[in-house]
Amino acid sequence: SSMYNSTNILIINYMKGYEEACKSFEPKDLEVSAVGRHFMITGANSGIGRATAMVVAKKGGTVHMVCRNKGRAEEARAAIVNESGNTEVFIHIVDLSQTHKVSQFAENFKKQFSSLNVLINNAGCMLHKRELNAEGLEKNFATNIMGVYILTQTLIPLLQMSRDPRVITVSSGGMLVQKLRFDDLQSEKGSFDGLMVYAQNKRQQVVLTEQWAKANPLIHFSVMHPGWVDTPAVSSSMPEFHHMMGERLRTVEQGADTVVWLALSRVVSRMCSGQFFQDRQPVPTHLPLAWTHSSADEMCSGHVPLEGDLKEDPGHWRLQ
């Protein structure tokens, strides 16, 4: 069918290698100093978060690493300080799945620091069984959505007072196979599939970003797909995929490139807020002819008629 073909074309586009994509990059975009600017990065002790923190530290920025594990955070901080020579790297221990703790942390941060220029929502999780946190929220949703929402929403006043403020959320091309499910945000209906729950959370992040951009014109919001990256999170939560992709996976530095570009480049501040990026380019948030659109009426009323599960077998996404 035409939808299936267009899906595959877009999936292939999302698979496009970094080496090919970076031919069109403008090196001058990242010839900038970050001195005097404050960057908060969640999940900064490994993977894309750590690679981003390293670049920002090397550019002279003040880095706030928001991590769950103290030991791993301290190890990562030591490596970043050692390699960058920048000691302005701070650790904040917070578990993003505990929403009241996130709120507490963000409120305290506002009292302690007078500016925050860039917030990078990078931390995420993919649990394959349905588990609830202490507040009764499904854990993937609690971490990937509620934690991100509360942290961002609470820090918006501080961001608004800062120069050239930006919020970047690390999403995934996997969200292309999910339509926003207003009436099932915590994946209670049907069977629980960790990959599809993750994809739904990533779609929710895209919609959140679009809504934030409309509501907060003083801040530049963006959401991005890092490509398929060889991170500890991918190898532990998607072992078969990790093994199958092998050397075709991107390095963490390649995966972090668009995050770094969105955080640092001057050209970004002149671009439209609320967009979805891959390889430094805004890309569509829906497949051509796809069923994943929600109409403006649905978006405003909060009621989306469900069109059943994905019409095509989502297996082709799993193979990305």
C-alpha atoms as a PDB file:
ATOM      1  CA  SER A   1       0.000   0.000   0.000  1.00  0.00           C
ATOM      2  CA  SER A   2       1.073   3.613  -0.492  1.00  0.00           C
ATOM      3  CA  MET A   3       1.155   4.179   3.267  1.00  0.00           C
ATOM      4  CA  TYR A   4       3.446   1.215   3.765  1.00  0.00           C
ATOM      5  CA  ASN A   5       5.806   2.426   1.003  1.00  0.00           C
ATOM      6  CA  SER A   6       5.894   5.981   2.318  1.00  0.00           C
ATOM      7  CA  THR A   7       6.504   4.619   5.812  1.00  0.00           C
ATOM      8  CA  ASN A   8       9.482   2.631   4.605  1.00  0.00           C
ATOM      9  CA  ILE A   9      10.885   5.599   2.658  1.00  0.00           C
ATOM     10  CA  LEU A  10      10.730   7.755   5.766  1.00  0.00           C
ATOM     11  CA  ILE A  11      12.156   5.017   7.967  1.00  0.00           C
ATOM     12  CA  ILE A  12      15.080   4.703   5.505  1.00  0.00           C
ATOM     13  CA  ASN A  13      15.502   8.477   5.699  1.00  0.00           C
ATOM     14  CA  TYR A  14      15.588   8.244   9.493  1.00  0.00           C
ATOM     15  CA  MET A  15      18.238   5.528   9.146  1.00  0.00           C
ATOM     16  CA  LYS A  16      20.416   7.787   6.991  1.00  0.00           C
ATOM     17  CA  GLY A  17      23.973   7.541   8.194  1.00  0.00           C
ATOM     18  CA  TYR A  18      25.685  10.306  10.104  1.00  0.00           C
ATOM     19  CA  GLU A  19      28.616  10.369   7.624  1.00  0.00           C
ATOM     20  CA  GLU A  20      26.192  11.253   4.832  1.00  0.00           C
ATOM     21  CA  ALA A  21      24.244  13.798   6.876  1.00  0.00           C
ATOM     22  CA  CYS A  22      27.256  15.664   8.250  1.00  0.00           C
ATOM     23  CA  LYS A  23      28.456  16.598   4.744  1.00  0.00           C
ATOM     24  CA  SER A  24      25.881  19.384   4.813  1.00  0.00           C
ATOM     25  CA  PHE A  25      26.785  20.678   8.304  1.00  0.00           C
ATOM     26  CA  GLU A  26      28.208  24.190   8.674  1.00  0.00           C
ATOM     27  CA  PRO A  27      31.296  23.870  10.949  1.00  0.00           C
ATOM     28  CA  LYS A  28      31.085  27.586  11.868  1.00  0.00           C
ATOM     29  CA  ASP A  29      27.764  26.896  13.637  1.00  0.00           C
ATOM     30  CA  LEU A  30      29.650  25.398  16.586  1.00  0.00           C
ATOM     31  CA  GLU A  31      32.539  27.868  16.666  1.00  0.00           C
ATOM     32  CA  VAL A  32      30.995  29.548  19.703  1.00  0.00           C
ATOM     33  CA  SER A  33      31.819  30.117  23.356  1.00  0.00           C
ATOM     34  CA  ALA A  34      29.450  28.986  26.090  1.00  0.00           C
ATOM     35  CA  VAL A  35      31.219  30.934  28.862  1.00  0.00           C
ATOM     36  CA  GLY A  36      28.736  32.482  31.292  1.00  0.00           C
ATOM     37  CA  ARG A  37      25.875  30.276  30.111  1.00  0.00           C
ATOM     38  CA  HIS A  38      24.233  27.637  32.333  1.00  0.00           C
ATOM     39  CA  PHE A  39      23.194  24.258  30.891  1.00  0.00           C
ATOM     40  CA  MET A  40      21.136  21.647  32.735  1.00  0.00           C
ATOM     41  CA  ILE A  41      21.411  18.143  31.263  1.00  0.00           C
ATOM     42  CA  THR A  42      19.372  15.227  32.609  1.00  0.00           C
ATOM     43  CA  GLY A  43      20.892  11.757  32.335  1.00  0.00           C
ATOM     44  CA  ALA A  44      24.317  13.373  31.972  1.00  0.00           C
ATOM     45  CA  ASN A  45      26.409  10.511  33.340  1.00  0.00           C
ATOM     46  CA  SER A  46      26.302   8.301  30.221  1.00  0.00           C
ATOM     47  CA  GLY A  47      25.415   8.142  26.545  1.00  0.00           C
ATOM     48  CA  ILE A  48      24.191  11.230  24.706  1.00  0.00           C
ATOM     49  CA  GLY A  49      23.851  13.260  27.936  1.00  0.00           C
ATOM     50  CA  ARG A  50      27.487  12.715  28.889  1.00  0.00           C
ATOM     51  CA  ALA A  51      28.745  13.436  25.350  1.00  0.00           C
ATOM     52  CA  THR A  52      26.721  16.683  25.334  1.00  0.00           C
ATOM     53  CA  ALA A  53      28.023  17.696  28.783  1.00  0.00           C
ATOM     54  CA  MET A  54      31.593  17.137  27.576  1.00  0.00           C
ATOM     55  CA  VAL A  55      31.201  19.446  24.545  1.00  0.00           C
ATOM     56  CA  VAL A  56      29.458  22.155  26.586  1.00  0.00           C
ATOM     57  CA  ALA A  57      32.199  21.984  29.261  1.00  0.00           C
ATOM     58  CA  LYS A  58      34.895  22.274  26.577  1.00  0.00           C
ATOM     59  CA  LYS A  59      33.140  25.394  25.260  1.00  0.00           C
ATOM     60  CA  GLY A  60      33.346  26.913  28.762  1.00  0.00           C
ATOM     61  CA  GLY A  61      29.700  26.524  29.771  1.00  0.00           C
ATOM     62  CA  THR A  62      28.536  25.868  33.330  1.00  0.00           C
ATOM     63  CA  VAL A  63      27.112  22.328  33.384  1.00  0.00           C
ATOM     64  CA  HIS A  64      24.451  21.048  35.771  1.00  0.00           C
ATOM     65  CA  MET A  65      24.392  17.252  35.568  1.00  0.00           C
ATOM     66  CA  VAL A  66      21.062  15.847  36.747  1.00  0.00           C
ATOM     67  CA  CYS A  67      21.615  12.152  37.472  1.00  0.00           C
ATOM     68  CA  ARG A  68      20.031   9.329  39.461  1.00  0.00           C
ATOM     69  CA  ASN A  69      23.193   7.426  40.404  1.00  0.00           C
ATOM     70  CA  LYS A  70      25.696   9.351  42.579  1.00  0.00           C
ATOM     71  CA  GLY A  71      28.682   7.080  41.937  1.00  0.00           C
ATOM     72  CA  ARG A  72      28.296   7.119  38.149  1.00  0.00           C
ATOM     73  CA  ALA A  73      27.643  10.867  38.191  1.00  0.00           C
ATOM     74  CA  GLU A  74      30.852  11.566  40.125  1.00  0.00           C
ATOM     75  CA  GLU A  75      32.842   9.327  37.804  1.00  0.00           C
ATOM     76  CA  ALA A  76      31.428  11.138  34.740  1.00  0.00           C
ATOM     77  CA  ARG A  77      32.016  14.567  36.291  1.00  0.00           C
ATOM     78  CA  ALA A  78      35.668  13.713  37.027  1.00  0.00           C
ATOM     79  CA  ALA A  79      36.189  12.627  33.398  1.00  0.00           C
ATOM     80  CA  ILE A  80      34.479  15.779  32.036  1.00  0.00           C
ATOM     81  CA  VAL A  81      36.462  18.126  34.307  1.00  0.00           C
ATOM     82  CA  ASN A  82      39.701  16.285  33.528  1.00  0.00           C
ATOM     83  CA  GLU A  83      39.279  16.377  29.751  1.00  0.00           C
ATOM     84  CA  SER A  84      37.732  19.859  29.454  1.00  0.00           C
ATOM     85  CA  GLY A  85      39.722  21.636  32.165  1.00  0.00           C
ATOM     86  CA  ASN A  86      36.419  23.252  33.192  1.00  0.00           C
ATOM     87  CA  THR A  87      35.558  22.882  36.896  1.00  0.00           C
ATOM     88  CA  GLU A  88      32.133  24.551  36.546  1.00  0.00           C
ATOM     89  CA  VAL A  89      30.407  21.170  36.472  1.00  0.00           C
ATOM     90  CA  PHE A  90      27.828  20.475  39.183  1.00  0.00           C
ATOM     91  CA  ILE A  91      26.029  17.261  40.122  1.00  0.00           C
ATOM     92  CA  HIS A  92      22.382  17.131  41.217  1.00  0.00           C
ATOM     93  CA  ILE A  93      21.049  13.736  42.293  1.00  0.00           C
ATOM     94  CA  VAL A  94      17.401  13.342  41.269  1.00  0.00           C
ATOM     95  CA  ASP A  95      15.287  10.352  40.219  1.00  0.00           C
ATOM     96  CA  LEU A  96      13.063  11.676  37.430  1.00  0.00           C
ATOM     97  CA  SER A  97      10.512   8.906  38.019  1.00  0.00           C
ATOM     98  CA  GLN A  98       9.706  10.404  41.461  1.00  0.00           C
ATOM     99  CA  THR A  99       7.674  13.401  40.403  1.00  0.00           C
ATOM    100  CA  HIS A 100       7.449  15.123  43.806  1.00  0.00           C
ATOM    101  CA  LYS A 101      11.274  14.951  44.090  1.00  0.00           C
ATOM    102  CA  VAL A 102      11.610  16.523  40.634  1.00  0.00           C
ATOM    103  CA  SER A 103       9.344  19.378  41.694  1.00  0.00           C
ATOM    104  CA  GLN A 104      11.318  19.864  44.933  1.00  0.00           C
ATOM    105  CA  PHE A 105      14.638  19.896  43.066  1.00  0.00           C
ATOM    106  CA  ALA A 106      13.450  22.415  40.440  1.00  0.00           C
ATOM    107  CA  GLU A 107      12.043  24.773  43.100  1.00  0.00           C
ATOM    108  CA  ASN A 108      15.333  24.634  45.044  1.00  0.00           C
ATOM    109  CA  PHE A 109      17.367  25.167  41.873  1.00  0.00           C
ATOM    110  CA  LYS A 110      15.441  28.390  41.159  1.00  0.00           C
ATOM    111  CA  LYS A 111      16.323  29.674  44.638  1.00  0.00           C
ATOM    112  CA  GLN A 112      19.982  28.717  44.327  1.00  0.00           C
ATOM    113  CA  PHE A 113      20.781  29.881  40.767  1.00  0.00           C
ATOM    114  CA  SER A 114      19.923  33.162  39.109  1.00  0.00           C
ATOM    115  CA  SER A 115      20.009  31.910  35.535  1.00  0.00           C
ATOM    116  CA  LEU A 116      19.489  28.859  33.350  1.00  0.00           C
ATOM    117  CA  ASN A 117      20.061  29.352  29.639  1.00  0.00           C
ATOM    118  CA  VAL A 118      19.553  25.824  28.311  1.00  0.00           C
ATOM    119  CA  LEU A 119      17.601  22.829  29.639  1.00  0.00           C
ATOM    120  CA  ILE A 120      18.309  19.507  27.914  1.00  0.00           C
ATOM    121  CA  ASN A 121      15.733  16.822  28.728  1.00  0.00           C
ATOM    122  CA  ASN A 122      17.801  13.775  27.810  1.00  0.00           C
ATOM    123  CA  ALA A 123      17.133  11.162  30.533  1.00  0.00           C
ATOM    124  CA  GLY A 124      14.619   8.468  29.685  1.00  0.00           C
ATOM    125  CA  CYS A 125      13.698   4.880  30.373  1.00  0.00           C
ATOM    126  CA  MET A 126      12.153   1.882  28.651  1.00  0.00           C
ATOM    127  CA  LEU A 127      10.701  -0.687  31.019  1.00  0.00           C
ATOM    128  CA  HIS A 128       9.181  -3.780  29.432  1.00  0.00           C
ATOM    129  CA  LYS A 129       6.799  -4.579  32.295  1.00  0.00           C
ATOM    130  CA  ARG A 130       4.073  -2.320  33.640  1.00  0.00           C
ATOM    131  CA  GLU A 131       5.309  -0.950  36.983  1.00  0.00           C
ATOM    132  CA  LEU A 132       3.958   1.937  39.058  1.00  0.00           C
ATOM    133  CA  ASN A 133       5.972   4.471  41.027  1.00  0.00           C
ATOM    134  CA  ALA A 134       5.112   5.467  44.625  1.00  0.00           C
ATOM    135  CA  GLU A 135       2.611   8.026  43.284  1.00  0.00           C
ATOM    136  CA  GLY A 136       0.758   5.417  41.235  1.00  0.00           C
ATOM    137  CA  LEU A 137       2.076   6.543  37.856  1.00  0.00           C
ATOM    138  CA  GLU A 138       3.304   4.058  35.252  1.00  0.00           C
ATOM    139  CA  LYS A 139       7.109   4.320  35.461  1.00  0.00           C
ATOM    140  CA  ASN A 140       7.916   4.962  31.782  1.00  0.00           C
ATOM    141  CA  PHE A 141       5.314   7.751  31.738  1.00  0.00           C
ATOM    142  CA  ALA A 142       6.533   9.099  35.098  1.00  0.00           C
ATOM    143  CA  THR A 143      10.139   9.377  33.872  1.00  0.00           C
ATOM    144  CA  ASN A 144       9.741  10.247  30.198  1.00  0.00           C
ATOM    145  CA  ILE A 145       6.764  12.588  30.515  1.00  0.00           C
ATOM    146  CA  MET A 146       5.798  13.701  34.032  1.00  0.00           C
ATOM    147  CA  GLY A 147       9.399  14.189  35.182  1.00  0.00           C
ATOM    148  CA  VAL A 148      10.202  16.109  31.985  1.00  0.00           C
ATOM    149  CA  TYR A 149       6.981  18.143  32.225  1.00  0.00           C
ATOM    150  CA  ILE A 150       7.410  19.120  35.891  1.00  0.00           C
ATOM    151  CA  LEU A 151      11.105  19.951  35.516  1.00  0.00           C
ATOM    152  CA  THR A 152      10.533  22.098  32.420  1.00  0.00           C
ATOM    153  CA  GLN A 153       7.357  23.773  33.645  1.00  0.00           C
ATOM    154  CA  THR A 154       8.916  24.674  37.014  1.00  0.00           C
ATOM    155  CA  LEU A 155      12.074  26.080  35.399  1.00  0.00           C
ATOM    156  CA  ILE A 156      10.276  28.150  32.720  1.00  0.00           C
ATOM    157  CA  PRO A 157      10.293  31.363  34.874  1.00  0.00           C
ATOM    158  CA  LEU A 158      14.079  31.030  35.383  1.00  0.00           C
ATOM    159  CA  LEU A 159      14.646  30.307  31.682  1.00  0.00           C
ATOM    160  CA  GLN A 160      12.528  33.336  30.710  1.00  0.00           C
ATOM    161  CA  MET A 161      14.753  35.607  32.788  1.00  0.00           C
ATOM    162  CA  SER A 162      17.910  34.270  31.118  1.00  0.00           C
ATOM    163  CA  ARG A 163      19.550  35.338  27.854  1.00  0.00           C
ATOM    164  CA  ASP A 164      18.670  33.319  24.715  1.00  0.00           C
ATOM    165  CA  PRO A 165      16.861  30.540  26.639  1.00  0.00           C
ATOM    166  CA  ARG A 166      16.356  27.125  25.047  1.00  0.00           C
ATOM    167  CA  VAL A 167      14.750  23.802  25.938  1.00  0.00           C
ATOM    168  CA  ILE A 168      15.782  20.696  23.989  1.00  0.00           C
ATOM    169  CA  THR A 169      14.107  17.322  24.487  1.00  0.00           C
ATOM    170  CA  VAL A 170      15.733  14.137  23.206  1.00  0.00           C
ATOM    171  CA  SER A 171      12.917  12.160  21.593  1.00  0.00           C
ATOM    172  CA  SER A 172      13.083   9.356  19.018  1.00  0.00           C
ATOM    173  CA  GLY A 173      12.054   8.603  15.447  1.00  0.00           C
ATOM    174  CA  GLY A 174      10.195   5.691  17.024  1.00  0.00           C
ATOM    175  CA  MET A 175       7.400   8.141  17.833  1.00  0.00           C
ATOM    176  CA  LEU A 176       6.434   8.064  14.151  1.00  0.00           C
ATOM    177  CA  VAL A 177       4.549   4.798  14.705  1.00  0.00           C
ATOM    178  CA  GLN A 178       2.365   6.239  17.482  1.00  0.00           C
ATOM    179  CA  LYS A 179      -0.543   8.649  17.487  1.00  0.00           C
ATOM    180  CA  LEU A 180      -1.070  10.621  20.684  1.00  0.00           C
ATOM    181  CA  ARG A 181      -3.512   8.622  22.814  1.00  0.00           C
ATOM    182  CA  PHE A 182      -5.241  11.211  24.981  1.00  0.00           C
ATOM    183  CA  ASP A 183      -7.402   8.626  26.697  1.00  0.00           C
ATOM    184  CA  ASP A 184      -4.559   6.188  27.444  1.00  0.00           C
ATOM    185  CA  LEU A 185      -1.457   8.244  28.283  1.00  0.00           C
ATOM    186  CA  GLN A 186      -0.251   5.643  30.786  1.00  0.00           C
ATOM    187  CA  SER A 187      -0.707   2.592  28.553  1.00  0.00           C
ATOM    188  CA  GLU A 188      -3.355   0.850  30.659  1.00  0.00           C
ATOM    189  CA  LYS A 189      -5.354  -0.542  27.725  1.00  0.00           C
ATOM    190  CA  GLY A 190      -4.438  -3.638  25.761  1.00  0.00           C
ATOM    191  CA  SER A 191      -1.199  -5.567  26.129  1.00  0.00           C
ATOM    192  CA  PHE A 192       1.857  -3.755  27.478  1.00  0.00           C
ATOM    193  CA  ASP A 193       4.672  -3.524  24.908  1.00  0.00           C
ATOM    194  CA  GLY A 194       7.696  -1.615  26.229  1.00  0.00           C
ATOM    195  CA  LEU A 195       8.798  -0.501  22.747  1.00  0.00           C
ATOM    196  CA  MET A 196       5.374   0.871  21.859  1.00  0.00           C
ATOM    197  CA  VAL A 197       4.979   2.524  25.282  1.00  0.00           C
ATOM    198  CA  TYR A 198       8.343   4.220  24.729  1.00  0.00           C
ATOM    199  CA  ALA A 199       7.255   5.318  21.239  1.00  0.00           C
ATOM    200  CA  GLN A 200       4.012   6.720  22.717  1.00  0.00           C
ATOM    201  CA  ASN A 201       6.029   8.659  25.337  1.00  0.00           C
ATOM    202  CA  LYS A 202       8.237  10.031  22.562  1.00  0.00           C
ATOM    203  CA  ARG A 203       5.137  11.180  20.633  1.00  0.00           C
ATOM    204  CA  GLN A 204       3.899  12.825  23.841  1.00  0.00           C
ATOM    205  CA  GLN A 205       7.229  14.715  24.092  1.00  0.00           C
ATOM    206  CA  VAL A 206       6.790  16.057  20.550  1.00  0.00           C
ATOM    207  CA  VAL A 207       3.260  17.292  21.340  1.00  0.00           C
ATOM    208  CA  LEU A 208       4.430  18.803  24.654  1.00  0.00           C
ATOM    209  CA  THR A 209       7.191  20.682  22.818  1.00  0.00           C
ATOM    210  CA  GLU A 210       4.712  22.099  20.295  1.00  0.00           C
ATOM    211  CA  GLN A 211       2.404  23.236  23.130  1.00  0.00           C
ATOM    212  CA  TRP A 212       5.271  24.782  25.148  1.00  0.00           C
ATOM    213  CA  ALA A 213       6.489  26.686  22.089  1.00  0.00           C
ATOM    214  CA  LYS A 214       3.037  28.253  21.606  1.00  0.00           C
ATOM    215  CA  ALA A 215       2.644  29.141  25.291  1.00  0.00           C
ATOM    216  CA  ASN A 216       6.178  30.523  25.881  1.00  0.00           C
ATOM    217  CA  PRO A 217       7.345  32.664  22.947  1.00  0.00           C
ATOM    218  CA  LEU A 218      10.385  33.959  24.888  1.00  0.00           C
ATOM    219  CA  ILE A 219      11.953  30.477  25.001  1.00  0.00           C
ATOM    220  CA  HIS A 220      13.149  28.430  22.004  1.00  0.00           C
ATOM    221  CA  PHE A 221      11.822  24.862  22.267  1.00  0.00           C
ATOM    222  CA  SER A 222      12.928  21.933  20.141  1.00  0.00           C
ATOM    223  CA  VAL A 223      12.706  18.164  20.149  1.00  0.00           C
ATOM    224  CA  MET A 224      15.002  15.821  18.249  1.00  0.00           C
ATOM    225  CA  HIS A 225      15.807  12.308  17.021  1.00  0.00           C
ATOM    226  CA  PRO A 226      19.484  11.469  17.656  1.00  0.00           C
ATOM    227  CA  GLY A 227      19.580   8.628  15.154  1.00  0.00           C
ATOM    228  CA  TRP A 228      20.084   5.063  16.406  1.00  0.00           C
ATOM    229  CA  VAL A 229      22.962   5.306  18.853  1.00  0.00           C
ATOM    230  CA  ASP A 230      25.223   2.783  20.586  1.00  0.00           C
ATOM    231  CA  THR A 231      24.392   3.749  24.191  1.00  0.00           C
ATOM    232  CA  PRO A 232      24.235   1.646  27.377  1.00  0.00           C
ATOM    233  CA  ALA A 233      20.463   2.312  27.439  1.00  0.00           C
ATOM    234  CA  VAL A 234      19.955   0.854  23.947  1.00  0.00           C
ATOM    235  CA  SER A 235      22.079  -2.237  24.650  1.00  0.00           C
ATOM    236  CA  SER A 236      20.251  -2.972  27.928  1.00  0.00           C
ATOM    237  CA  SER A 237      16.650  -2.185  26.882  1.00  0.00           C
ATOM    238  CA  MET A 238      16.851  -3.355  23.222  1.00  0.00           C
ATOM    239  CA  PRO A 239      19.538  -6.091  23.189  1.00  0.00           C
ATOM    240  CA  GLU A 240      18.357  -7.839  19.990  1.00  0.00           C
ATOM    241  CA  PHE A 241      18.178  -4.556  18.083  1.00  0.00           C
ATOM    242  CA  HIS A 242      21.596  -3.554  19.450  1.00  0.00           C
ATOM    243  CA  HIS A 243      23.134  -6.854  18.329  1.00  0.00           C
ATOM    244  CA  MET A 244      21.459  -6.755  14.909  1.00  0.00           C
ATOM    245  CA  MET A 245      22.461  -3.155  14.143  1.00  0.00           C
ATOM    246  CA  GLY A 246      26.052  -3.673  15.264  1.00  0.00           C
ATOM    247  CA  GLU A 247      28.418  -1.183  13.655  1.00  0.00           C
ATOM    248  CA  ARG A 248      25.601   0.674  11.922  1.00  0.00           C
ATOM    249  CA  LEU A 249      24.729   2.326  15.233  1.00  0.00           C
ATOM    250  CA  ARG A 250      26.021   5.863  15.706  1.00  0.00           C
ATOM    251  CA  THR A 251      28.613   6.785  18.317  1.00  0.00           C
ATOM    252  CA  VAL A 252      27.355   8.784  21.299  1.00  0.00           C
ATOM    253  CA  GLU A 253      29.171  11.852  19.939  1.00  0.00           C
ATOM    254  CA  GLN A 254      27.329  11.532  16.618  1.00  0.00           C
ATOM    255  CA  GLY A 255      24.043  11.040  18.472  1.00  0.00           C
ATOM    256  CA  ALA A 256      24.727  14.136  20.581  1.00  0.00           C
ATOM    257  CA  ASP A 257      25.629  16.357  17.599  1.00  0.00           C
ATOM    258  CA  THR A 258      22.145  17.786  16.993  1.00  0.00           C
ATOM    259  CA  VAL A 259      21.578  18.280  20.742  1.00  0.00           C
ATOM    260  CA  VAL A 260      24.834  20.253  20.952  1.00  0.00           C
ATOM    261  CA  TRP A 261      23.944  22.218  17.816  1.00  0.00           C
ATOM    262  CA  LEU A 262      20.470  23.054  19.172  1.00  0.00           C
ATOM    263  CA  ALA A 263      22.014  24.099  22.496  1.00  0.00           C
ATOM    264  CA  LEU A 264      24.884  26.229  21.181  1.00  0.00           C
ATOM    265  CA  SER A 265      24.432  27.389  17.592  1.00  0.00           C
ATOM    266  CA  ARG A 266      23.370  30.992  16.969  1.00  0.00           C
ATOM    267  CA  VAL A 267      21.367  30.041  13.870  1.00  0.00           C
ATOM    268  CA  VAL A 268      18.950  28.022  16.020  1.00  0.00           C
ATOM    269  CA  SER A 269      17.613  31.076  17.837  1.00  0.00           C
ATOM    270  CA  ARG A 270      16.413  32.458  14.485  1.00  0.00           C
ATOM    271  CA  MET A 271      14.532  29.247  13.639  1.00  0.00           C
ATOM    272  CA  CYS A 272      10.898  28.529  14.373  1.00  0.00           C
ATOM    273  CA  SER A 273      10.312  27.202  17.907  1.00  0.00           C
ATOM    274  CA  GLY A 274       8.573  23.862  18.532  1.00  0.00           C
ATOM    275  CA  GLN A 275      10.115  21.857  15.687  1.00  0.00           C
ATOM    276  CA  PHE A 276      11.359  18.248  15.476  1.00  0.00           C
ATOM    277  CA  PHE A 277      14.981  17.903  14.316  1.00  0.00           C
ATOM    278  CA  GLN A 278      17.265  15.237  12.955  1.00  0.00           C
ATOM    279  CA  ASP A 279      20.840  15.869  11.795  1.00  0.00           C
ATOM    280  CA  ARG A 280      20.498  19.650  12.277  1.00  0.00           C
ATOM    281  CA  GLN A 281      17.391  19.808  10.053  1.00  0.00           C
ATOM    282  CA  PRO A 282      13.714  20.222  10.949  1.00  0.00           C
ATOM    283  CA  VAL A 283      11.899  17.047   9.802  1.00  0.00           C
ATOM    284  CA  PRO A 284       8.199  16.077   9.666  1.00  0.00           C
ATOM    285  CA  THR A 285       6.598  14.735  12.848  1.00  0.00           C
ATOM    286  CA  HIS A 286       4.277  12.457  10.856  1.00  0.00           C
ATOM    287  CA  LEU A 287       4.847   9.971   8.071  1.00  0.00           C
ATOM    288  CA  PRO A 288       3.301  10.955   4.718  1.00  0.00           C
ATOM    289  CA  LEU A 289      -0.322   9.730   4.516  1.00  0.00           C
ATOM    290  CA  ALA A 290      -0.043   8.366   8.052  1.00  0.00           C
ATOM    291  CA  TRP A 291      -2.857   7.852  10.540  1.00  0.00           C
ATOM    292  CA  THR A 292      -0.877   9.420  13.398  1.00  0.00           C
ATOM    293  CA  HIS A 293      -2.234  12.961  12.936  1.00  0.00           C
ATOM    294  CA  SER A 294      -4.576  14.483  15.490  1.00  0.00           C
ATOM    295  CA  SER A 295      -6.835  17.248  14.167  1.00  0.00           C
ATOM    296  CA  ALA A 296      -6.707  20.745  15.660  1.00  0.00           C
ATOM    297  CA  ASP A 297     -10.125  20.108  17.240  1.00  0.00           C
ATOM    298  CA  GLU A 298      -8.880  16.936  18.925  1.00  0.00           C
ATOM    299  CA  MET A 299      -5.763  18.706  20.166  1.00  0.00           C
ATOM    300  CA  CYS A 300      -7.824  21.483  21.738  1.00  0.00           C
ATOM    301  CA  SER A 301     -10.592  19.356  23.200  1.00  0.00           C
ATOM    302  CA  GLY A 302      -8.277  16.624  24.407  1.00  0.00           C
ATOM    303  CA  HIS A 303     -10.443  13.936  22.748  1.00  0.00           C
ATOM    304  CA  VAL A 304      -8.850  11.825  20.067  1.00  0.00           C
ATOM    305  CA  PRO A 305     -10.905   9.089  18.413  1.00  0.00           C
ATOM    306  CA  LEU A 306      -8.672   6.031  18.483  1.00  0.00           C
ATOM    307  CA  GLU A 307      -8.008   4.404  15.154  1.00  0.00           C
ATOM    308  CA  GLY A 308      -7.054   1.089  16.641  1.00  0.00           C
ATOM    309  CA  ASP A 309      -3.522  -0.138  16.923  1.00  0.00           C
ATOM    310  CA  LEU A 310      -0.940   0.581  14.259  1.00  0.00           C
ATOM    311  CA  LYS A 311      -2.444  -0.478  10.939  1.00  0.00           C
ATOM    312  CA  GLU A 312       0.811  -1.915   9.685  1.00  0.00           C
ATOM    313  CA  ASP A 313       2.791  -4.396  11.744  1.00  0.00           C
ATOM    314  CA  PRO A 314       5.097  -2.165  13.834  1.00  0.00           C
ATOM    315  CA  GLY A 315       7.839  -4.743  13.285  1.00  0.00           C
ATOM    316  CA  HIS A 316       9.461  -2.606  10.598  1.00  0.00           C
ATOM    317  CA  TRP A 317      10.091   0.103  13.180  1.00  0.00           C
ATOM    318  CA  ARG A 318      11.707  -2.406  15.519  1.00  0.00           C
ATOM    319  CA  LEU A 319      14.238  -3.136  12.816  1.00  0.00           C
ATOM    320  CA  GLN A 320      15.427   0.452  12.557  1.00  0.00           C
END
